[in-house]
PDB file of N, CA and C in Angstrom:
ATOM      1  N   UNK A   1      25.845  29.244-108.907  1.00  0.00           N
ATOM      2  CA  UNK A   1      26.167  28.973-108.083  1.00  0.00           C
ATOM      3  C   UNK A   1      26.433  29.945-106.549  1.00  0.00           C
ATOM      4  N   UNK A   2      26.948  29.883-105.677  1.00  0.00           N
ATOM      5  CA  UNK A   2      27.098  30.906-104.660  1.00  0.00           C
ATOM      6  C   UNK A   2      28.368  31.045-104.076  1.00  0.00           C
ATOM      7  N   UNK A   3      28.648  32.564-103.656  1.00  0.00           N
ATOM      8  CA  UNK A   3      30.259  32.544-102.888  1.00  0.00           C
ATOM      9  C   UNK A   3      30.195  32.617-101.848  1.00  0.00           C
ATOM     10  N   UNK A   4      29.266  32.530-101.061  1.00  0.00           N
ATOM     11  CA  UNK A   4      29.021  32.536 -99.622  1.00  0.00           C
ATOM     12  C   UNK A   4      29.814  31.590 -99.064  1.00  0.00           C
ATOM     13  N   UNK A   5      29.578  30.401 -99.289  1.00  0.00           N
ATOM     14  CA  UNK A   5      30.739  29.091 -98.440  1.00  0.00           C
ATOM     15  C   UNK A   5      32.338  29.812 -98.579  1.00  0.00           C
ATOM     16  N   UNK A   6      32.522  29.945 -99.658  1.00  0.00           N
ATOM     17  CA  UNK A   6      34.075  30.592 -99.839  1.00  0.00           C
ATOM     18  C   UNK A   6      34.320  31.740 -98.975  1.00  0.00           C
ATOM     19  N   UNK A   7      33.648  32.523 -99.100  1.00  0.00           N
ATOM     20  CA  UNK A   7      34.036  34.086 -98.368  1.00  0.00           C
ATOM     21  C   UNK A   7      33.707  33.421 -96.974  1.00  0.00           C
ATOM     22  N   UNK A   8      32.774  32.742 -96.312  1.00  0.00           N
ATOM     23  CA  UNK A   8      32.819  32.356 -94.850  1.00  0.00           C
ATOM     24  C   UNK A   8      34.231  32.029 -94.031  1.00  0.00           C
ATOM     25  N   UNK A   9      34.696  30.830 -95.353  1.00  0.00           N
ATOM     26  CA  UNK A   9      35.855  29.951 -94.964  1.00  0.00           C
ATOM     27  C   UNK A   9      37.008  31.520 -95.050  1.00  0.00           C
ATOM     28  N   UNK A  10      37.131  32.479 -95.736  1.00  0.00           N
ATOM     29  CA  UNK A  10      38.212  33.181 -96.055  1.00  0.00           C
ATOM     30  C   UNK A  10      37.997  34.020 -94.719  1.00  0.00           C
ATOM     31  N   UNK A  11      37.026  34.564 -94.435  1.00  0.00           N
ATOM     32  CA  UNK A  11      36.210  35.507 -93.491  1.00  0.00           C
ATOM     33  C   UNK A  11      36.588  35.215 -91.996  1.00  0.00           C
ATOM     34  N   UNK A  12      36.621  33.886 -91.974  1.00  0.00           N
ATOM     35  CA  UNK A  12      37.002  33.170 -90.603  1.00  0.00           C
ATOM     36  C   UNK A  12      38.374  33.349 -89.941  1.00  0.00           C
ATOM     37  N   UNK A  13      38.179  33.628 -88.405  1.00  0.00           N
ATOM     38  CA  UNK A  13      39.317  34.350 -87.910  1.00  0.00           C
ATOM     39  C   UNK A  13      40.729  32.958 -87.924  1.00  0.00           C
ATOM     40  N   UNK A  14      40.248  31.699 -88.396  1.00  0.00           N
ATOM     41  CA  UNK A  14      41.412  30.653 -88.292  1.00  0.00           C
ATOM     42  C   UNK A  14      41.912  31.061 -89.809  1.00  0.00           C
ATOM     43  N   UNK A  15      41.395  31.301 -90.536  1.00  0.00           N
ATOM     44  CA  UNK A  15      42.262  31.294 -92.068  1.00  0.00           C
ATOM     45  C   UNK A  15      43.286  31.768 -92.159  1.00  0.00           C
ATOM     46  N   UNK A  16      43.343  33.305 -91.529  1.00  0.00           N
ATOM     47  CA  UNK A  16      44.431  33.783 -91.642  1.00  0.00           C
ATOM     48  C   UNK A  16      44.528  34.860 -90.558  1.00  0.00           C
ATOM     49  N   UNK A  17      45.434  34.881 -89.333  1.00  0.00           N
ATOM     50  CA  UNK A  17      45.737  35.303 -88.193  1.00  0.00           C
ATOM     51  C   UNK A  17      45.950  36.902 -88.384  1.00  0.00           C
ATOM     52  N   UNK A  18      46.556  37.224 -89.460  1.00  0.00           N
ATOM     53  CA  UNK A  18      47.255  38.402 -89.628  1.00  0.00           C
ATOM     54  C   UNK A  18      46.556  39.535 -90.875  1.00  0.00           C
ATOM     55  N   UNK A  19      45.367  38.534 -91.240  1.00  0.00           N
ATOM     56  CA  UNK A  19      44.601  39.549 -92.499  1.00  0.00           C
ATOM     57  C   UNK A  19      42.968  39.466 -91.738  1.00  0.00           C
ATOM     58  N   UNK A  20      42.648  40.317 -91.896  1.00  0.00           N
ATOM     59  CA  UNK A  20      40.814  40.462 -91.260  1.00  0.00           C
ATOM     60  C   UNK A  20      39.945  40.668 -92.636  1.00  0.00           C
ATOM     61  N   UNK A  21      39.243  39.762 -93.217  1.00  0.00           N
ATOM     62  CA  UNK A  21      38.674  40.059 -94.593  1.00  0.00           C
ATOM     63  C   UNK A  21      36.864  39.991 -94.249  1.00  0.00           C
ATOM     64  N   UNK A  22      36.245  41.358 -94.734  1.00  0.00           N
ATOM     65  CA  UNK A  22      35.314  41.456 -94.365  1.00  0.00           C
ATOM     66  C   UNK A  22      34.534  41.268 -96.293  1.00  0.00           C
ATOM     67  N   UNK A  23      33.240  40.867 -96.218  1.00  0.00           N
ATOM     68  CA  UNK A  23      32.435  41.325 -97.282  1.00  0.00           C
ATOM     69  C   UNK A  23      31.001  41.325 -97.174  1.00  0.00           C
ATOM     70  N   UNK A  24      30.482  42.045 -98.497  1.00  0.00           N
ATOM     71  CA  UNK A  24      29.092  42.566 -98.583  1.00  0.00           C
ATOM     72  C   UNK A  24      29.258  42.855 -99.735  1.00  0.00           C
ATOM     73  N   UNK A  25      27.689  41.922-100.351  1.00  0.00           N
ATOM     74  CA  UNK A  25      27.375  41.964-101.896  1.00  0.00           C
ATOM     75  C   UNK A  25      25.903  41.647-101.849  1.00  0.00           C
ATOM     76  N   UNK A  26      25.523  42.738-102.752  1.00  0.00           N
ATOM     77  CA  UNK A  26      24.025  42.726-103.019  1.00  0.00           C
ATOM     78  C   UNK A  26      23.015  41.276-103.033  1.00  0.00           C
ATOM     79  N   UNK A  27      24.196  40.294-103.854  1.00  0.00           N
ATOM     80  CA  UNK A  27      23.650  39.306-104.198  1.00  0.00           C
ATOM     81  C   UNK A  27      23.647  38.174-103.260  1.00  0.00           C
ATOM     82  N   UNK A  28      24.486  38.257-102.121  1.00  0.00           N
ATOM     83  CA  UNK A  28      24.612  37.565-101.036  1.00  0.00           C
ATOM     84  C   UNK A  28      23.558  37.827-100.048  1.00  0.00           C
ATOM     85  N   UNK A  29      22.929  38.816-100.188  1.00  0.00           N
ATOM     86  CA  UNK A  29      21.942  39.483 -98.868  1.00  0.00           C
ATOM     87  C   UNK A  29      21.018  38.303 -98.772  1.00  0.00           C
ATOM     88  N   UNK A  30      20.282  37.870 -99.916  1.00  0.00           N
ATOM     89  CA  UNK A  30      19.318  36.826 -99.612  1.00  0.00           C
ATOM     90  C   UNK A  30      19.845  35.653 -99.145  1.00  0.00           C
ATOM     91  N   UNK A  31      21.073  34.851 -99.324  1.00  0.00           N
ATOM     92  CA  UNK A  31      21.674  33.467 -98.733  1.00  0.00           C
ATOM     93  C   UNK A  31      21.748  34.182 -97.365  1.00  0.00           C
ATOM     94  N   UNK A  32      22.439  35.206 -97.191  1.00  0.00           N
ATOM     95  CA  UNK A  32      22.628  35.306 -95.520  1.00  0.00           C
ATOM     96  C   UNK A  32      21.087  35.234 -94.922  1.00  0.00           C
ATOM     97  N   UNK A  33      20.494  35.947 -95.388  1.00  0.00           N
ATOM     98  CA  UNK A  33      18.721  36.202 -94.660  1.00  0.00           C
ATOM     99  C   UNK A  33      18.255  34.831 -94.490  1.00  0.00           C
ATOM    100  N   UNK A  34      18.363  34.065 -95.438  1.00  0.00           N
ATOM    101  CA  UNK A  34      17.793  32.962 -95.665  1.00  0.00           C
ATOM    102  C   UNK A  34      18.953  31.793 -94.328  1.00  0.00           C
ATOM    103  N   UNK A  35      20.098  32.004 -94.215  1.00  0.00           N
ATOM    104  CA  UNK A  35      20.642  31.479 -93.334  1.00  0.00           C
ATOM    105  C   UNK A  35      20.212  31.670 -91.687  1.00  0.00           C
ATOM    106  N   UNK A  36      20.282  33.149 -91.757  1.00  0.00           N
ATOM    107  CA  UNK A  36      19.512  33.591 -90.315  1.00  0.00           C
ATOM    108  C   UNK A  36      18.501  32.895 -90.289  1.00  0.00           C
ATOM    109  N   UNK A  37      17.483  33.064 -90.995  1.00  0.00           N
ATOM    110  CA  UNK A  37      16.061  32.269 -91.019  1.00  0.00           C
ATOM    111  C   UNK A  37      16.227  30.761 -90.774  1.00  0.00           C
ATOM    112  N   UNK A  38      16.869  30.219 -91.355  1.00  0.00           N
ATOM    113  CA  UNK A  38      16.884  28.647 -90.830  1.00  0.00           C
ATOM    114  C   UNK A  38      17.434  28.450 -89.471  1.00  0.00           C
ATOM    115  N   UNK A  39      18.493  29.187 -89.228  1.00  0.00           N
ATOM    116  CA  UNK A  39      18.907  29.143 -87.670  1.00  0.00           C
ATOM    117  C   UNK A  39      18.002  29.290 -86.788  1.00  0.00           C
ATOM    118  N   UNK A  40      17.628  30.599 -86.817  1.00  0.00           N
ATOM    119  CA  UNK A  40      16.250  31.558 -85.887  1.00  0.00           C
ATOM    120  C   UNK A  40      15.037  30.230 -85.857  1.00  0.00           C
ATOM    121  N   UNK A  41      14.461  29.693 -87.069  1.00  0.00           N
ATOM    122  CA  UNK A  41      13.826  28.854 -86.964  1.00  0.00           C
ATOM    123  C   UNK A  41      14.036  27.507 -86.245  1.00  0.00           C
ATOM    124  N   UNK A  42      14.997  27.044 -86.371  1.00  0.00           N
ATOM    125  CA  UNK A  42      15.600  25.761 -85.666  1.00  0.00           C
ATOM    126  C   UNK A  42      15.601  26.439 -84.457  1.00  0.00           C
ATOM    127  N   UNK A  43      15.992  27.348 -83.835  1.00  0.00           N
ATOM    128  CA  UNK A  43      16.098  27.620 -82.195  1.00  0.00           C
ATOM    129  C   UNK A  43      14.433  28.165 -81.829  1.00  0.00           C
ATOM    130  N   UNK A  44      13.715  28.631 -82.673  1.00  0.00           N
ATOM    131  CA  UNK A  44      12.524  29.060 -82.015  1.00  0.00           C
ATOM    132  C   UNK A  44      11.733  27.432 -81.628  1.00  0.00           C
ATOM    133  N   UNK A  45      11.718  26.508 -83.137  1.00  0.00           N
ATOM    134  CA  UNK A  45      11.286  25.294 -82.792  1.00  0.00           C
ATOM    135  C   UNK A  45      11.690  24.371 -81.314  1.00  0.00           C
ATOM    136  N   UNK A  46      13.014  24.527 -81.247  1.00  0.00           N
ATOM    137  CA  UNK A  46      13.550  23.789 -80.235  1.00  0.00           C
ATOM    138  C   UNK A  46      12.981  24.206 -78.883  1.00  0.00           C
ATOM    139  N   UNK A  47      13.127  25.640 -78.958  1.00  0.00           N
ATOM    140  CA  UNK A  47      12.366  26.227 -77.504  1.00  0.00           C
ATOM    141  C   UNK A  47      10.848  25.998 -77.325  1.00  0.00           C
ATOM    142  N   UNK A  48      10.137  26.091 -78.404  1.00  0.00           N
ATOM    143  CA  UNK A  48       8.581  25.965 -78.210  1.00  0.00           C
ATOM    144  C   UNK A  48       8.539  24.519 -77.801  1.00  0.00           C
ATOM    145  N   UNK A  49       9.687  23.557 -78.412  1.00  0.00           N
ATOM    146  CA  UNK A  49       9.340  22.069 -77.538  1.00  0.00           C
ATOM    147  C   UNK A  49      10.072  22.058 -76.340  1.00  0.00           C
ATOM    148  N   UNK A  50      10.718  22.731 -75.865  1.00  0.00           N
ATOM    149  CA  UNK A  50      11.043  22.655 -74.477  1.00  0.00           C
ATOM    150  C   UNK A  50      10.147  23.361 -73.715  1.00  0.00           C
ATOM    151  N   UNK A  51       9.629  24.275 -74.474  1.00  0.00           N
ATOM    152  CA  UNK A  51       8.563  25.008 -73.258  1.00  0.00           C
ATOM    153  C   UNK A  51       7.592  24.047 -72.938  1.00  0.00           C
ATOM    154  N   UNK A  52       6.997  23.204 -74.250  1.00  0.00           N
ATOM    155  CA  UNK A  52       5.844  22.406 -73.854  1.00  0.00           C
ATOM    156  C   UNK A  52       6.172  21.408 -72.726  1.00  0.00           C
ATOM    157  N   UNK A  53       7.388  20.901 -72.919  1.00  0.00           N
ATOM    158  CA  UNK A  53       7.959  19.805 -72.368  1.00  0.00           C
ATOM    159  C   UNK A  53       7.924  20.093 -70.911  1.00  0.00           C
ATOM    160  N   UNK A  54       8.013  21.339 -70.506  1.00  0.00           N
ATOM    161  CA  UNK A  54       8.379  21.797 -69.140  1.00  0.00           C
ATOM    162  C   UNK A  54       6.929  22.472 -68.638  1.00  0.00           C
ATOM    163  N   UNK A  55       5.640  22.598 -69.519  1.00  0.00           N
ATOM    164  CA  UNK A  55       4.526  22.898 -69.346  1.00  0.00           C
ATOM    165  C   UNK A  55       3.916  21.310 -68.744  1.00  0.00           C
ATOM    166  N   UNK A  56       4.169  20.509 -69.691  1.00  0.00           N
ATOM    167  CA  UNK A  56       3.359  19.199 -69.055  1.00  0.00           C
ATOM    168  C   UNK A  56       4.134  18.967 -67.807  1.00  0.00           C
ATOM    169  N   UNK A  57       5.442  18.862 -67.401  1.00  0.00           N
ATOM    170  CA  UNK A  57       5.797  18.578 -66.783  1.00  0.00           C
ATOM    171  C   UNK A  57       5.457  19.070 -65.055  1.00  0.00           C
ATOM    172  N   UNK A  58       5.187  20.335 -65.189  1.00  0.00           N
ATOM    173  CA  UNK A  58       4.766  20.975 -64.076  1.00  0.00           C
ATOM    174  C   UNK A  58       3.129  21.406 -63.842  1.00  0.00           C
ATOM    175  N   UNK A  59       2.338  21.258 -64.959  1.00  0.00           N
ATOM    176  CA  UNK A  59       1.257  21.231 -65.189  1.00  0.00           C
ATOM    177  C   UNK A  59       0.699  19.531 -64.691  1.00  0.00           C
ATOM    178  N   UNK A  60       1.018  19.023 -65.460  1.00  0.00           N
ATOM    179  CA  UNK A  60       0.519  17.375 -65.042  1.00  0.00           C
ATOM    180  C   UNK A  60      -0.341  17.070 -66.589  1.00  0.00           C
ATOM    181  N   UNK A  61      -0.891  17.842 -67.093  1.00  0.00           N
ATOM    182  CA  UNK A  61      -2.101  17.492 -67.929  1.00  0.00           C
ATOM    183  C   UNK A  61      -1.734  17.887 -69.198  1.00  0.00           C
ATOM    184  N   UNK A  62      -1.888  17.174 -70.799  1.00  0.00           N
ATOM    185  CA  UNK A  62      -1.675  17.276 -71.563  1.00  0.00           C
ATOM    186  C   UNK A  62      -2.284  18.293 -72.139  1.00  0.00           C
ATOM    187  N   UNK A  63      -3.881  18.337 -71.763  1.00  0.00           N
ATOM    188  CA  UNK A  63      -4.587  19.177 -72.597  1.00  0.00           C
ATOM    189  C   UNK A  63      -4.212  20.715 -72.191  1.00  0.00           C
ATOM    190  N   UNK A  64      -3.911  21.041 -70.668  1.00  0.00           N
ATOM    191  CA  UNK A  64      -3.469  22.325 -70.603  1.00  0.00           C
ATOM    192  C   UNK A  64      -2.304  22.696 -71.079  1.00  0.00           C
ATOM    193  N   UNK A  65      -1.280  21.868 -70.927  1.00  0.00           N
ATOM    194  CA  UNK A  65      -0.038  21.972 -71.492  1.00  0.00           C
ATOM    195  C   UNK A  65      -0.215  22.755 -73.137  1.00  0.00           C
ATOM    196  N   UNK A  66      -0.854  21.805 -73.891  1.00  0.00           N
ATOM    197  CA  UNK A  66      -1.135  22.309 -75.189  1.00  0.00           C
ATOM    198  C   UNK A  66      -2.258  23.205 -75.405  1.00  0.00           C
ATOM    199  N   UNK A  67      -2.823  24.030 -74.567  1.00  0.00           N
ATOM    200  CA  UNK A  67      -3.766  25.048 -74.680  1.00  0.00           C
ATOM    201  C   UNK A  67      -2.877  26.419 -74.024  1.00  0.00           C
ATOM    202  N   UNK A  68      -1.949  26.250 -73.352  1.00  0.00           N
ATOM    203  CA  UNK A  68      -0.960  27.200 -72.874  1.00  0.00           C
ATOM    204  C   UNK A  68      -0.096  27.385 -74.364  1.00  0.00           C
ATOM    205  N   UNK A  69       0.299  26.387 -74.842  1.00  0.00           N
ATOM    206  CA  UNK A  69       1.233  26.703 -75.906  1.00  0.00           C
ATOM    207  C   UNK A  69       0.614  27.382 -76.986  1.00  0.00           C
ATOM    208  N   UNK A  70      -0.774  26.840 -77.306  1.00  0.00           N
ATOM    209  CA  UNK A  70      -1.799  27.647 -78.360  1.00  0.00           C
ATOM    210  C   UNK A  70      -1.743  28.978 -77.791  1.00  0.00           C
ATOM    211  N   UNK A  71      -1.870  29.225 -76.829  1.00  0.00           N
ATOM    212  CA  UNK A  71      -1.976  30.820 -76.419  1.00  0.00           C
ATOM    213  C   UNK A  71      -0.727  31.568 -76.737  1.00  0.00           C
ATOM    214  N   UNK A  72       0.576  30.699 -76.505  1.00  0.00           N
ATOM    215  CA  UNK A  72       1.980  31.519 -77.175  1.00  0.00           C
ATOM    216  C   UNK A  72       1.747  31.738 -78.652  1.00  0.00           C
ATOM    217  N   UNK A  73       1.384  30.544 -79.363  1.00  0.00           N
ATOM    218  CA  UNK A  73       1.460  30.696 -80.837  1.00  0.00           C
ATOM    219  C   UNK A  73       0.606  31.675 -80.984  1.00  0.00           C
ATOM    220  N   UNK A  74      -0.419  31.635 -80.730  1.00  0.00           N
ATOM    221  CA  UNK A  74      -1.625  32.743 -81.132  1.00  0.00           C
ATOM    222  C   UNK A  74      -1.146  34.130 -80.948  1.00  0.00           C
ATOM    223  N   UNK A  75      -0.597  34.360 -79.677  1.00  0.00           N
ATOM    224  CA  UNK A  75      -0.286  35.540 -79.552  1.00  0.00           C
ATOM    225  C   UNK A  75       0.565  36.520 -80.794  1.00  0.00           C
ATOM    226  N   UNK A  76       1.527  35.678 -81.519  1.00  0.00           N
ATOM    227  CA  UNK A  76       2.278  36.483 -82.498  1.00  0.00           C
ATOM    228  C   UNK A  76       1.491  36.951 -83.934  1.00  0.00           C
ATOM    229  N   UNK A  77       0.205  36.492 -84.145  1.00  0.00           N
ATOM    230  CA  UNK A  77      -0.524  37.120 -84.954  1.00  0.00           C
ATOM    231  C   UNK A  77      -1.219  38.357 -84.604  1.00  0.00           C
ATOM    232  N   UNK A  78      -2.039  38.030 -83.096  1.00  0.00           N
ATOM    233  CA  UNK A  78      -2.665  38.808 -82.638  1.00  0.00           C
ATOM    234  C   UNK A  78      -1.751  40.340 -82.401  1.00  0.00           C
ATOM    235  N   UNK A  79      -0.421  40.383 -81.698  1.00  0.00           N
ATOM    236  CA  UNK A  79       0.369  41.357 -81.819  1.00  0.00           C
ATOM    237  C   UNK A  79       0.838  41.912 -83.152  1.00  0.00           C
ATOM    238  N   UNK A  80       0.817  41.412 -84.268  1.00  0.00           N
ATOM    239  CA  UNK A  80       1.044  41.953 -85.518  1.00  0.00           C
ATOM    240  C   UNK A  80      -0.029  42.568 -86.353  1.00  0.00           C
ATOM    241  N   UNK A  81      -1.359  41.986 -85.670  1.00  0.00           N
ATOM    242  CA  UNK A  81      -2.481  42.774 -86.018  1.00  0.00           C
ATOM    243  C   UNK A  81      -2.933  44.126 -85.486  1.00  0.00           C
ATOM    244  N   UNK A  82      -2.233  43.786 -83.868  1.00  0.00           N
ATOM    245  CA  UNK A  82      -2.406  45.254 -82.912  1.00  0.00           C
ATOM    246  C   UNK A  82      -1.585  46.071 -83.725  1.00  0.00           C
ATOM    247  N   UNK A  83      -0.424  45.642 -84.233  1.00  0.00           N
ATOM    248  CA  UNK A  83       0.787  46.477 -84.688  1.00  0.00           C
ATOM    249  C   UNK A  83       0.714  47.415 -85.804  1.00  0.00           C
ATOM    250  N   UNK A  84      -0.345  46.637 -86.936  1.00  0.00           N
ATOM    251  CA  UNK A  84      -0.809  47.074 -88.276  1.00  0.00           C
ATOM    252  C   UNK A  84      -1.875  47.856 -88.138  1.00  0.00           C
ATOM    253  N   UNK A  85      -3.221  47.442 -87.670  1.00  0.00           N
ATOM    254  CA  UNK A  85      -4.282  47.759 -87.368  1.00  0.00           C
ATOM    255  C   UNK A  85      -4.364  49.024 -86.204  1.00  0.00           C
ATOM    256  N   UNK A  86      -4.133  48.960 -85.310  1.00  0.00           N
ATOM    257  CA  UNK A  86      -4.575  49.497 -84.152  1.00  0.00           C
ATOM    258  C   UNK A  86      -3.573  50.898 -84.284  1.00  0.00           C
ATOM    259  N   UNK A  87      -2.050  50.945 -84.201  1.00  0.00           N
ATOM    260  CA  UNK A  87      -0.955  51.259 -84.404  1.00  0.00           C
ATOM    261  C   UNK A  87      -0.816  52.135 -85.421  1.00  0.00           C
ATOM    262  N   UNK A  88      -1.420  51.560 -86.301  1.00  0.00           N
ATOM    263  CA  UNK A  88      -1.117  51.907 -87.977  1.00  0.00           C
ATOM    264  C   UNK A  88      -0.162  51.937 -88.592  1.00  0.00           C
ATOM    265  N   UNK A  89       0.651  51.417 -88.042  1.00  0.00           N
ATOM    266  CA  UNK A  89       2.188  51.350 -88.675  1.00  0.00           C
ATOM    267  C   UNK A  89       1.907  50.080 -89.917  1.00  0.00           C
ATOM    268  N   UNK A  90       2.288  50.388 -91.121  1.00  0.00           N
ATOM    269  CA  UNK A  90       2.207  49.353 -92.421  1.00  0.00           C
ATOM    270  C   UNK A  90       3.302  48.729 -93.045  1.00  0.00           C
ATOM    271  N   UNK A  91       4.435  49.215 -92.560  1.00  0.00           N
ATOM    272  CA  UNK A  91       5.314  49.230 -93.166  1.00  0.00           C
ATOM    273  C   UNK A  91       6.163  47.660 -91.937  1.00  0.00           C
ATOM    274  N   UNK A  92       6.241  46.433 -92.259  1.00  0.00           N
ATOM    275  CA  UNK A  92       6.654  45.570 -91.955  1.00  0.00           C
ATOM    276  C   UNK A  92       7.941  44.665 -92.616  1.00  0.00           C
ATOM    277  N   UNK A  93       9.050  45.070 -92.456  1.00  0.00           N
ATOM    278  CA  UNK A  93      10.307  44.704 -93.186  1.00  0.00           C
ATOM    279  C   UNK A  93      10.439  43.401 -92.708  1.00  0.00           C
ATOM    280  N   UNK A  94      11.697  42.718 -93.403  1.00  0.00           N
ATOM    281  CA  UNK A  94      12.518  41.435 -93.117  1.00  0.00           C
ATOM    282  C   UNK A  94      12.843  41.369 -91.636  1.00  0.00           C
ATOM    283  N   UNK A  95      13.376  42.416 -91.700  1.00  0.00           N
ATOM    284  CA  UNK A  95      14.425  42.787 -90.124  1.00  0.00           C
ATOM    285  C   UNK A  95      13.265  42.240 -89.131  1.00  0.00           C
ATOM    286  N   UNK A  96      12.090  43.049 -89.571  1.00  0.00           N
ATOM    287  CA  UNK A  96      10.755  42.815 -88.321  1.00  0.00           C
ATOM    288  C   UNK A  96      10.855  41.232 -88.012  1.00  0.00           C
ATOM    289  N   UNK A  97      10.748  40.642 -89.227  1.00  0.00           N
ATOM    290  CA  UNK A  97      10.761  39.233 -88.840  1.00  0.00           C
ATOM    291  C   UNK A  97      11.788  38.441 -88.302  1.00  0.00           C
ATOM    292  N   UNK A  98      12.753  38.959 -88.470  1.00  0.00           N
ATOM    293  CA  UNK A  98      14.265  38.181 -87.624  1.00  0.00           C
ATOM    294  C   UNK A  98      14.289  38.783 -85.935  1.00  0.00           C
ATOM    295  N   UNK A  99      13.653  39.854 -85.959  1.00  0.00           N
ATOM    296  CA  UNK A  99      13.696  40.041 -84.470  1.00  0.00           C
ATOM    297  C   UNK A  99      12.630  39.230 -83.545  1.00  0.00           C
ATOM    298  N   UNK A 100      11.671  38.567 -84.291  1.00  0.00           N
ATOM    299  CA  UNK A 100      10.550  37.853 -83.795  1.00  0.00           C
ATOM    300  C   UNK A 100      11.851  36.398 -83.314  1.00  0.00           C
TER     301      UNK A 100
END
């Protein structure tokens, strides 16, 4: 099992107003990164849907709204290609993905 739920409860501000608890464990890094990725993925999907709805309402065409969203979606692999091949930066860590 993981100690992460218990540590989150202990480190919350409501647990004890007099004591602040901080934690760092190498074994918890993966769990924390997965939690961040899941919440960021939910926010990205929600914003993708909201932008599509906004485009559909403003443009009035399903086709143009879909093509606009496809352009936005395909800009990420193009930026990654430009970053790694044109600029020559080969290192792409997990934190770079979290920044997206």
